[in-house]
Amino acid sequence: MSTESAIEGSAVITHEIGLHARPSVKLTKLAKSFTSAIHLRGDGVESWVDAKSIVRVMGLKLREGTTVFFRAAGPDANAAVDALVALVKRDFDEHKPA
């Protein structure tokens, strides 16, 4: 992916279990809805992984409090990064019962 035209964004994982199975599925499903190439990494992790690959996303084993960084390039890169950052900030739509 060309980094010159890449759009980037980040958010802190607040989910108490981190980026485990359900949040990873939601993240990759959302990423797959965009045509842009999308990659992510956690702070302290050098390499970027394909955000559309459930195996690679879960393999990062990102925990609560970790900043997740997104990078996308393509026709809908802005929308992709905005949507993925919003998903993380919404705690993957897994609100705790009141």
PDB file of N, CA and C in Angstrom:
ATOM      1  N   MET A   1       0.850  -1.169   0.000  1.00  0.00           N
ATOM      2  CA  MET A   1       0.000   0.000   0.000  1.00  0.00           C
ATOM      3  C   MET A   1       0.894   1.229   0.000  1.00  0.00           C
ATOM      4  N   SER A   2       0.601   2.175  -0.829  1.00  0.00           N
ATOM      5  CA  SER A   2       1.356   3.412  -0.884  1.00  0.00           C
ATOM      6  C   SER A   2       1.041   4.257   0.341  1.00  0.00           C
ATOM      7  N   THR A   3       2.091   4.677   1.045  1.00  0.00           N
ATOM      8  CA  THR A   3       1.856   5.464   2.253  1.00  0.00           C
ATOM      9  C   THR A   3       1.672   6.944   1.947  1.00  0.00           C
ATOM     10  N   GLU A   4       2.043   7.402   0.717  1.00  0.00           N
ATOM     11  CA  GLU A   4       1.913   8.817   0.388  1.00  0.00           C
ATOM     12  C   GLU A   4       0.458   9.266   0.410  1.00  0.00           C
ATOM     13  N   SER A   5      -0.446   8.411  -0.056  1.00  0.00           N
ATOM     14  CA  SER A   5      -1.854   8.794  -0.137  1.00  0.00           C
ATOM     15  C   SER A   5      -2.701   8.100   0.934  1.00  0.00           C
ATOM     16  N   ALA A   6      -2.049   7.508   1.918  1.00  0.00           N
ATOM     17  CA  ALA A   6      -2.776   6.770   2.946  1.00  0.00           C
ATOM     18  C   ALA A   6      -3.437   7.729   3.937  1.00  0.00           C
ATOM     19  N   ILE A   7      -4.620   7.363   4.368  1.00  0.00           N
ATOM     20  CA  ILE A   7      -5.347   8.075   5.405  1.00  0.00           C
ATOM     21  C   ILE A   7      -5.126   7.291   6.696  1.00  0.00           C
ATOM     22  N   GLU A   8      -4.843   7.991   7.780  1.00  0.00           N
ATOM     23  CA  GLU A   8      -4.584   7.308   9.037  1.00  0.00           C
ATOM     24  C   GLU A   8      -5.487   7.826  10.144  1.00  0.00           C
ATOM     25  N   GLY A   9      -5.717   6.957  11.114  1.00  0.00           N
ATOM     26  CA  GLY A   9      -6.502   7.321  12.281  1.00  0.00           C
ATOM     27  C   GLY A   9      -6.202   6.347  13.396  1.00  0.00           C
ATOM     28  N   SER A  10      -6.622   6.686  14.615  1.00  0.00           N
ATOM     29  CA  SER A  10      -6.357   5.794  15.745  1.00  0.00           C
ATOM     30  C   SER A  10      -7.420   5.966  16.815  1.00  0.00           C
ATOM     31  N   ALA A  11      -7.505   4.975  17.679  1.00  0.00           N
ATOM     32  CA  ALA A  11      -8.417   5.003  18.820  1.00  0.00           C
ATOM     33  C   ALA A  11      -7.890   4.053  19.881  1.00  0.00           C
ATOM     34  N   VAL A  12      -8.240   4.308  21.121  1.00  0.00           N
ATOM     35  CA  VAL A  12      -7.830   3.447  22.231  1.00  0.00           C
ATOM     36  C   VAL A  12      -8.901   2.384  22.450  1.00  0.00           C
ATOM     37  N   ILE A  13      -8.465   1.149  22.590  1.00  0.00           N
ATOM     38  CA  ILE A  13      -9.394   0.043  22.855  1.00  0.00           C
ATOM     39  C   ILE A  13      -9.848   0.140  24.307  1.00  0.00           C
ATOM     40  N   THR A  14     -11.162   0.261  24.501  1.00  0.00           N
ATOM     41  CA  THR A  14     -11.717   0.347  25.852  1.00  0.00           C
ATOM     42  C   THR A  14     -12.447  -0.930  26.243  1.00  0.00           C
ATOM     43  N   HIS A  15     -12.581  -1.860  25.311  1.00  0.00           N
ATOM     44  CA  HIS A  15     -13.267  -3.117  25.607  1.00  0.00           C
ATOM     45  C   HIS A  15     -12.442  -3.874  26.633  1.00  0.00           C
ATOM     46  N   GLU A  16     -13.094  -4.325  27.713  1.00  0.00           N
ATOM     47  CA  GLU A  16     -12.347  -4.918  28.829  1.00  0.00           C
ATOM     48  C   GLU A  16     -11.565  -6.172  28.465  1.00  0.00           C
ATOM     49  N   ILE A  17     -11.980  -6.883  27.432  1.00  0.00           N
ATOM     50  CA  ILE A  17     -11.258  -8.094  27.023  1.00  0.00           C
ATOM     51  C   ILE A  17     -10.331  -7.795  25.847  1.00  0.00           C
ATOM     52  N   GLY A  18     -10.405  -6.584  25.314  1.00  0.00           N
ATOM     53  CA  GLY A  18      -9.559  -6.214  24.195  1.00  0.00           C
ATOM     54  C   GLY A  18     -10.156  -6.652  22.869  1.00  0.00           C
ATOM     55  N   LEU A  19      -9.294  -6.794  21.885  1.00  0.00           N
ATOM     56  CA  LEU A  19      -9.733  -7.138  20.533  1.00  0.00           C
ATOM     57  C   LEU A  19      -9.810  -8.663  20.414  1.00  0.00           C
ATOM     58  N   HIS A  20     -10.804  -9.246  21.081  1.00  0.00           N
ATOM     59  CA  HIS A  20     -10.985 -10.704  21.047  1.00  0.00           C
ATOM     60  C   HIS A  20     -11.918 -11.069  19.893  1.00  0.00           C
ATOM     61  N   ALA A  21     -12.511 -12.238  19.927  1.00  0.00           N
ATOM     62  CA  ALA A  21     -13.251 -12.782  18.791  1.00  0.00           C
ATOM     63  C   ALA A  21     -14.374 -11.889  18.275  1.00  0.00           C
ATOM     64  N   ARG A  22     -15.352 -11.542  19.108  1.00  0.00           N
ATOM     65  CA  ARG A  22     -16.497 -10.767  18.612  1.00  0.00           C
ATOM     66  C   ARG A  22     -16.087  -9.408  18.060  1.00  0.00           C
ATOM     67  N   PRO A  23     -15.294  -8.619  18.811  1.00  0.00           N
ATOM     68  CA  PRO A  23     -14.867  -7.342  18.248  1.00  0.00           C
ATOM     69  C   PRO A  23     -14.034  -7.495  16.964  1.00  0.00           C
ATOM     70  N   SER A  24     -13.207  -8.531  16.904  1.00  0.00           N
ATOM     71  CA  SER A  24     -12.397  -8.755  15.694  1.00  0.00           C
ATOM     72  C   SER A  24     -13.283  -9.051  14.493  1.00  0.00           C
ATOM     73  N   VAL A  25     -14.324  -9.849  14.699  1.00  0.00           N
ATOM     74  CA  VAL A  25     -15.257 -10.160  13.611  1.00  0.00           C
ATOM     75  C   VAL A  25     -15.956  -8.888  13.147  1.00  0.00           C
ATOM     76  N   LYS A  26     -16.406  -8.070  14.090  1.00  0.00           N
ATOM     77  CA  LYS A  26     -17.080  -6.818  13.730  1.00  0.00           C
ATOM     78  C   LYS A  26     -16.143  -5.894  12.962  1.00  0.00           C
ATOM     79  N   LEU A  27     -14.899  -5.815  13.421  1.00  0.00           N
ATOM     80  CA  LEU A  27     -13.926  -4.947  12.768  1.00  0.00           C
ATOM     81  C   LEU A  27     -13.629  -5.423  11.350  1.00  0.00           C
ATOM     82  N   THR A  28     -13.354  -6.704  11.167  1.00  0.00           N
ATOM     83  CA  THR A  28     -13.013  -7.202   9.831  1.00  0.00           C
ATOM     84  C   THR A  28     -14.221  -7.135   8.897  1.00  0.00           C
ATOM     85  N   LYS A  29     -15.413  -7.394   9.419  1.00  0.00           N
ATOM     86  CA  LYS A  29     -16.618  -7.305   8.587  1.00  0.00           C
ATOM     87  C   LYS A  29     -16.803  -5.873   8.091  1.00  0.00           C
ATOM     88  N   LEU A  30     -16.608  -4.908   8.979  1.00  0.00           N
ATOM     89  CA  LEU A  30     -16.720  -3.509   8.584  1.00  0.00           C
ATOM     90  C   LEU A  30     -15.636  -3.155   7.565  1.00  0.00           C
ATOM     91  N   ALA A  31     -14.407  -3.588   7.810  1.00  0.00           N
ATOM     92  CA  ALA A  31     -13.305  -3.300   6.887  1.00  0.00           C
ATOM     93  C   ALA A  31     -13.594  -3.858   5.493  1.00  0.00           C
ATOM     94  N   LYS A  32     -14.173  -5.063   5.442  1.00  0.00           N
ATOM     95  CA  LYS A  32     -14.479  -5.692   4.155  1.00  0.00           C
ATOM     96  C   LYS A  32     -15.566  -4.954   3.379  1.00  0.00           C
ATOM     97  N   SER A  33     -16.318  -4.086   4.044  1.00  0.00           N
ATOM     98  CA  SER A  33     -17.377  -3.344   3.359  1.00  0.00           C
ATOM     99  C   SER A  33     -16.822  -2.181   2.543  1.00  0.00           C
ATOM    100  N   PHE A  34     -15.532  -1.929   2.650  1.00  0.00           N
ATOM    101  CA  PHE A  34     -14.878  -0.858   1.897  1.00  0.00           C
ATOM    102  C   PHE A  34     -13.963  -1.455   0.828  1.00  0.00           C
ATOM    103  N   THR A  35     -13.806  -0.726  -0.262  1.00  0.00           N
ATOM    104  CA  THR A  35     -12.939  -1.209  -1.341  1.00  0.00           C
ATOM    105  C   THR A  35     -11.468  -0.874  -1.099  1.00  0.00           C
ATOM    106  N   SER A  36     -11.199   0.101  -0.279  1.00  0.00           N
ATOM    107  CA  SER A  36      -9.820   0.502   0.000  1.00  0.00           C
ATOM    108  C   SER A  36      -9.040  -0.615   0.691  1.00  0.00           C
ATOM    109  N   ALA A  37      -7.722  -0.582   0.513  1.00  0.00           N
ATOM    110  CA  ALA A  37      -6.836  -1.458   1.275  1.00  0.00           C
ATOM    111  C   ALA A  37      -6.731  -0.854   2.671  1.00  0.00           C
ATOM    112  N   ILE A  38      -6.971  -1.676   3.691  1.00  0.00           N
ATOM    113  CA  ILE A  38      -6.972  -1.183   5.069  1.00  0.00           C
ATOM    114  C   ILE A  38      -6.051  -2.059   5.914  1.00  0.00           C
ATOM    115  N   HIS A  39      -5.199  -1.410   6.678  1.00  0.00           N
ATOM    116  CA  HIS A  39      -4.275  -2.119   7.570  1.00  0.00           C
ATOM    117  C   HIS A  39      -4.371  -1.530   8.968  1.00  0.00           C
ATOM    118  N   LEU A  40      -3.979  -2.325   9.952  1.00  0.00           N
ATOM    119  CA  LEU A  40      -3.956  -1.833  11.318  1.00  0.00           C
ATOM    120  C   LEU A  40      -2.784  -2.415  12.075  1.00  0.00           C
ATOM    121  N   ARG A  41      -2.466  -1.766  13.187  1.00  0.00           N
ATOM    122  CA  ARG A  41      -1.430  -2.243  14.103  1.00  0.00           C
ATOM    123  C   ARG A  41      -1.733  -1.640  15.470  1.00  0.00           C
ATOM    124  N   GLY A  42      -1.137  -2.215  16.482  1.00  0.00           N
ATOM    125  CA  GLY A  42      -1.260  -1.673  17.827  1.00  0.00           C
ATOM    126  C   GLY A  42       0.005  -0.944  18.202  1.00  0.00           C
ATOM    127  N   ASP A  43      -0.086  -0.054  19.208  1.00  0.00           N
ATOM    128  CA  ASP A  43       1.137   0.622  19.633  1.00  0.00           C
ATOM    129  C   ASP A  43       2.115  -0.413  20.168  1.00  0.00           C
ATOM    130  N   GLY A  44       3.363  -0.209  19.839  1.00  0.00           N
ATOM    131  CA  GLY A  44       4.387  -1.169  20.214  1.00  0.00           C
ATOM    132  C   GLY A  44       4.565  -2.286  19.200  1.00  0.00           C
ATOM    133  N   VAL A  45       3.726  -2.308  18.157  1.00  0.00           N
ATOM    134  CA  VAL A  45       3.808  -3.323  17.104  1.00  0.00           C
ATOM    135  C   VAL A  45       4.320  -2.634  15.841  1.00  0.00           C
ATOM    136  N   GLU A  46       5.395  -3.146  15.288  1.00  0.00           N
ATOM    137  CA  GLU A  46       6.008  -2.519  14.117  1.00  0.00           C
ATOM    138  C   GLU A  46       5.250  -2.775  12.817  1.00  0.00           C
ATOM    139  N   SER A  47       4.758  -4.000  12.643  1.00  0.00           N
ATOM    140  CA  SER A  47       4.191  -4.366  11.349  1.00  0.00           C
ATOM    141  C   SER A  47       2.686  -4.122  11.283  1.00  0.00           C
ATOM    142  N   TRP A  48       2.233  -3.744  10.105  1.00  0.00           N
ATOM    143  CA  TRP A  48       0.822  -3.531   9.822  1.00  0.00           C
ATOM    144  C   TRP A  48       0.226  -4.850   9.334  1.00  0.00           C
ATOM    145  N   VAL A  49      -1.030  -5.131   9.687  1.00  0.00           N
ATOM    146  CA  VAL A  49      -1.708  -6.328   9.212  1.00  0.00           C
ATOM    147  C   VAL A  49      -2.968  -5.936   8.446  1.00  0.00           C
ATOM    148  N   ASP A  50      -3.404  -6.819   7.585  1.00  0.00           N
ATOM    149  CA  ASP A  50      -4.606  -6.608   6.785  1.00  0.00           C
ATOM    150  C   ASP A  50      -5.825  -6.600   7.700  1.00  0.00           C
ATOM    151  N   ALA A  51      -6.538  -5.480   7.727  1.00  0.00           N
ATOM    152  CA  ALA A  51      -7.717  -5.339   8.592  1.00  0.00           C
ATOM    153  C   ALA A  51      -8.886  -6.199   8.119  1.00  0.00           C
ATOM    154  N   LYS A  52      -8.786  -6.765   6.921  1.00  0.00           N
ATOM    155  CA  LYS A  52      -9.849  -7.608   6.389  1.00  0.00           C
ATOM    156  C   LYS A  52      -9.604  -9.093   6.677  1.00  0.00           C
ATOM    157  N   SER A  53      -8.530  -9.398   7.393  1.00  0.00           N
ATOM    158  CA  SER A  53      -8.178 -10.776   7.721  1.00  0.00           C
ATOM    159  C   SER A  53      -8.419 -11.042   9.207  1.00  0.00           C
ATOM    160  N   ILE A  54      -9.435 -11.838   9.518  1.00  0.00           N
ATOM    161  CA  ILE A  54      -9.756 -12.145  10.913  1.00  0.00           C
ATOM    162  C   ILE A  54      -8.581 -12.812  11.622  1.00  0.00           C
ATOM    163  N   VAL A  55      -7.866 -13.680  10.932  1.00  0.00           N
ATOM    164  CA  VAL A  55      -6.725 -14.377  11.540  1.00  0.00           C
ATOM    165  C   VAL A  55      -5.635 -13.379  11.926  1.00  0.00           C
ATOM    166  N   ARG A  56      -5.332 -12.465  11.030  1.00  0.00           N
ATOM    167  CA  ARG A  56      -4.270 -11.492  11.305  1.00  0.00           C
ATOM    168  C   ARG A  56      -4.681 -10.498  12.393  1.00  0.00           C
ATOM    169  N   VAL A  57      -5.942 -10.059  12.368  1.00  0.00           N
ATOM    170  CA  VAL A  57      -6.422  -9.113  13.376  1.00  0.00           C
ATOM    171  C   VAL A  57      -6.395  -9.757  14.760  1.00  0.00           C
ATOM    172  N   MET A  58      -6.932 -10.962  14.873  1.00  0.00           N
ATOM    173  CA  MET A  58      -6.929 -11.644  16.170  1.00  0.00           C
ATOM    174  C   MET A  58      -5.509 -11.975  16.623  1.00  0.00           C
ATOM    175  N   GLY A  59      -4.630 -12.224  15.664  1.00  0.00           N
ATOM    176  CA  GLY A  59      -3.243 -12.549  15.983  1.00  0.00           C
ATOM    177  C   GLY A  59      -2.498 -11.420  16.674  1.00  0.00           C
ATOM    178  N   LEU A  60      -2.987 -10.197  16.545  1.00  0.00           N
ATOM    179  CA  LEU A  60      -2.342  -9.069  17.224  1.00  0.00           C
ATOM    180  C   LEU A  60      -2.553  -9.114  18.733  1.00  0.00           C
ATOM    181  N   LYS A  61      -3.647  -9.746  19.170  1.00  0.00           N
ATOM    182  CA  LYS A  61      -3.961  -9.882  20.599  1.00  0.00           C
ATOM    183  C   LYS A  61      -3.901  -8.541  21.325  1.00  0.00           C
ATOM    184  N   LEU A  62      -4.550  -7.540  20.743  1.00  0.00           N
ATOM    185  CA  LEU A  62      -4.546  -6.207  21.336  1.00  0.00           C
ATOM    186  C   LEU A  62      -5.437  -6.184  22.575  1.00  0.00           C
ATOM    187  N   ARG A  63      -4.947  -5.583  23.617  1.00  0.00           N
ATOM    188  CA  ARG A  63      -5.639  -5.565  24.910  1.00  0.00           C
ATOM    189  C   ARG A  63      -6.255  -4.185  25.195  1.00  0.00           C
ATOM    190  N   GLU A  64      -7.104  -4.161  26.212  1.00  0.00           N
ATOM    191  CA  GLU A  64      -7.701  -2.907  26.671  1.00  0.00           C
ATOM    192  C   GLU A  64      -6.595  -1.907  26.978  1.00  0.00           C
ATOM    193  N   GLY A  65      -6.801  -0.659  26.563  1.00  0.00           N
ATOM    194  CA  GLY A  65      -5.817   0.391  26.798  1.00  0.00           C
ATOM    195  C   GLY A  65      -4.812   0.555  25.675  1.00  0.00           C
ATOM    196  N   THR A  66      -4.812  -0.358  24.724  1.00  0.00           N
ATOM    197  CA  THR A  66      -3.908  -0.290  23.579  1.00  0.00           C
ATOM    198  C   THR A  66      -4.476   0.665  22.536  1.00  0.00           C
ATOM    199  N   THR A  67      -3.615   1.467  21.949  1.00  0.00           N
ATOM    200  CA  THR A  67      -4.036   2.307  20.830  1.00  0.00           C
ATOM    201  C   THR A  67      -3.927   1.484  19.561  1.00  0.00           C
ATOM    202  N   VAL A  68      -5.012   1.447  18.806  1.00  0.00           N
ATOM    203  CA  VAL A  68      -5.005   0.753  17.516  1.00  0.00           C
ATOM    204  C   VAL A  68      -4.934   1.824  16.433  1.00  0.00           C
ATOM    205  N   PHE A  69      -4.023   1.623  15.495  1.00  0.00           N
ATOM    206  CA  PHE A  69      -3.806   2.559  14.402  1.00  0.00           C
ATOM    207  C   PHE A  69      -4.339   1.950  13.114  1.00  0.00           C
ATOM    208  N   PHE A  70      -5.054   2.743  12.341  1.00  0.00           N
ATOM    209  CA  PHE A  70      -5.587   2.314  11.049  1.00  0.00           C
ATOM    210  C   PHE A  70      -4.917   3.111   9.947  1.00  0.00           C
ATOM    211  N   ARG A  71      -4.710   2.447   8.810  1.00  0.00           N
ATOM    212  CA  ARG A  71      -4.159   3.108   7.622  1.00  0.00           C
ATOM    213  C   ARG A  71      -4.895   2.554   6.423  1.00  0.00           C
ATOM    214  N   ALA A  72      -5.442   3.427   5.597  1.00  0.00           N
ATOM    215  CA  ALA A  72      -6.198   2.983   4.427  1.00  0.00           C
ATOM    216  C   ALA A  72      -5.806   3.802   3.205  1.00  0.00           C
ATOM    217  N   ALA A  73      -5.847   3.149   2.050  1.00  0.00           N
ATOM    218  CA  ALA A  73      -5.578   3.826   0.781  1.00  0.00           C
ATOM    219  C   ALA A  73      -6.566   3.302  -0.238  1.00  0.00           C
ATOM    220  N   GLY A  74      -7.208   4.215  -0.928  1.00  0.00           N
ATOM    221  CA  GLY A  74      -8.191   3.832  -1.932  1.00  0.00           C
ATOM    222  C   GLY A  74      -9.298   4.864  -2.018  1.00  0.00           C
ATOM    223  N   PRO A  75     -10.288   4.569  -2.838  1.00  0.00           N
ATOM    224  CA  PRO A  75     -11.342   5.553  -3.106  1.00  0.00           C
ATOM    225  C   PRO A  75     -12.212   5.904  -1.898  1.00  0.00           C
ATOM    226  N   ASP A  76     -12.339   5.005  -0.950  1.00  0.00           N
ATOM    227  CA  ASP A  76     -13.173   5.288   0.224  1.00  0.00           C
ATOM    228  C   ASP A  76     -12.354   5.220   1.518  1.00  0.00           C
ATOM    229  N   ALA A  77     -11.075   5.585   1.420  1.00  0.00           N
ATOM    230  CA  ALA A  77     -10.163   5.488   2.557  1.00  0.00           C
ATOM    231  C   ALA A  77     -10.612   6.354   3.732  1.00  0.00           C
ATOM    232  N   ASN A  78     -11.031   7.585   3.470  1.00  0.00           N
ATOM    233  CA  ASN A  78     -11.484   8.464   4.555  1.00  0.00           C
ATOM    234  C   ASN A  78     -12.651   7.855   5.308  1.00  0.00           C
ATOM    235  N   ALA A  79     -13.635   7.392   4.570  1.00  0.00           N
ATOM    236  CA  ALA A  79     -14.823   6.797   5.192  1.00  0.00           C
ATOM    237  C   ALA A  79     -14.454   5.536   5.963  1.00  0.00           C
ATOM    238  N   ALA A  80     -13.544   4.741   5.425  1.00  0.00           N
ATOM    239  CA  ALA A  80     -13.132   3.498   6.080  1.00  0.00           C
ATOM    240  C   ALA A  80     -12.469   3.784   7.424  1.00  0.00           C
ATOM    241  N   VAL A  81     -11.514   4.684   7.430  1.00  0.00           N
ATOM    242  CA  VAL A  81     -10.812   5.010   8.678  1.00  0.00           C
ATOM    243  C   VAL A  81     -11.781   5.619   9.679  1.00  0.00           C
ATOM    244  N   ASP A  82     -12.631   6.538   9.226  1.00  0.00           N
ATOM    245  CA  ASP A  82     -13.614   7.152  10.131  1.00  0.00           C
ATOM    246  C   ASP A  82     -14.521   6.094  10.757  1.00  0.00           C
ATOM    247  N   ALA A  83     -15.003   5.152   9.952  1.00  0.00           N
ATOM    248  CA  ALA A  83     -15.921   4.122  10.438  1.00  0.00           C
ATOM    249  C   ALA A  83     -15.229   3.176  11.419  1.00  0.00           C
ATOM    250  N   LEU A  84     -14.000   2.780  11.130  1.00  0.00           N
ATOM    251  CA  LEU A  84     -13.274   1.857  12.008  1.00  0.00           C
ATOM    252  C   LEU A  84     -12.900   2.517  13.334  1.00  0.00           C
ATOM    253  N   VAL A  85     -12.460   3.763  13.281  1.00  0.00           N
ATOM    254  CA  VAL A  85     -12.149   4.497  14.513  1.00  0.00           C
ATOM    255  C   VAL A  85     -13.419   4.637  15.354  1.00  0.00           C
ATOM    256  N   ALA A  86     -14.534   4.963  14.711  1.00  0.00           N
ATOM    257  CA  ALA A  86     -15.802   5.113  15.435  1.00  0.00           C
ATOM    258  C   ALA A  86     -16.228   3.794  16.079  1.00  0.00           C
ATOM    259  N   LEU A  87     -16.032   2.680  15.377  1.00  0.00           N
ATOM    260  CA  LEU A  87     -16.387   1.368  15.931  1.00  0.00           C
ATOM    261  C   LEU A  87     -15.594   1.090  17.212  1.00  0.00           C
ATOM    262  N   VAL A  88     -14.301   1.366  17.187  1.00  0.00           N
ATOM    263  CA  VAL A  88     -13.466   1.147  18.372  1.00  0.00           C
ATOM    264  C   VAL A  88     -13.926   2.073  19.502  1.00  0.00           C
ATOM    265  N   LYS A  89     -14.187   3.335  19.169  1.00  0.00           N
ATOM    266  CA  LYS A  89     -14.610   4.296  20.189  1.00  0.00           C
ATOM    267  C   LYS A  89     -15.969   3.939  20.782  1.00  0.00           C
ATOM    268  N   ARG A  90     -16.797   3.233  20.017  1.00  0.00           N
ATOM    269  CA  ARG A  90     -18.113   2.786  20.511  1.00  0.00           C
ATOM    270  C   ARG A  90     -18.007   1.452  21.243  1.00  0.00           C
ATOM    271  N   ASP A  91     -16.796   1.034  21.549  1.00  0.00           N
ATOM    272  CA  ASP A  91     -16.571  -0.231  22.254  1.00  0.00           C
ATOM    273  C   ASP A  91     -17.129  -1.404  21.460  1.00  0.00           C
ATOM    274  N   PHE A  92     -17.015  -1.330  20.127  1.00  0.00           N
ATOM    275  CA  PHE A  92     -17.450  -2.383  19.230  1.00  0.00           C
ATOM    276  C   PHE A  92     -18.939  -2.679  19.366  1.00  0.00           C
ATOM    277  N   ASP A  93     -19.691  -1.676  19.807  1.00  0.00           N
ATOM    278  CA  ASP A  93     -21.151  -1.793  19.993  1.00  0.00           C
ATOM    279  C   ASP A  93     -21.513  -2.890  20.985  1.00  0.00           C
ATOM    280  N   GLU A  94     -20.629  -3.150  21.919  1.00  0.00           N
ATOM    281  CA  GLU A  94     -20.900  -4.160  22.955  1.00  0.00           C
ATOM    282  C   GLU A  94     -21.062  -3.451  24.290  1.00  0.00           C
ATOM    283  N   HIS A  95     -22.161  -2.723  24.401  1.00  0.00           N
ATOM    284  CA  HIS A  95     -22.407  -1.961  25.629  1.00  0.00           C
ATOM    285  C   HIS A  95     -22.735  -2.890  26.786  1.00  0.00           C
ATOM    286  N   LYS A  96     -22.214  -2.541  27.919  1.00  0.00           N
ATOM    287  CA  LYS A  96     -22.481  -3.327  29.123  1.00  0.00           C
ATOM    288  C   LYS A  96     -23.901  -3.055  29.617  1.00  0.00           C
ATOM    289  N   PRO A  97     -24.591  -4.070  30.119  1.00  0.00           N
ATOM    290  CA  PRO A  97     -25.940  -3.848  30.625  1.00  0.00           C
ATOM    291  C   PRO A  97     -25.933  -2.893  31.809  1.00  0.00           C
ATOM    292  N   ALA A  98     -26.975  -2.098  31.900  1.00  0.00           N
ATOM    293  CA  ALA A  98     -27.059  -1.100  32.981  1.00  0.00           C
ATOM    294  C   ALA A  98     -27.387  -1.745  34.306  1.00  0.00           C
TER     295      ALA A  98
END
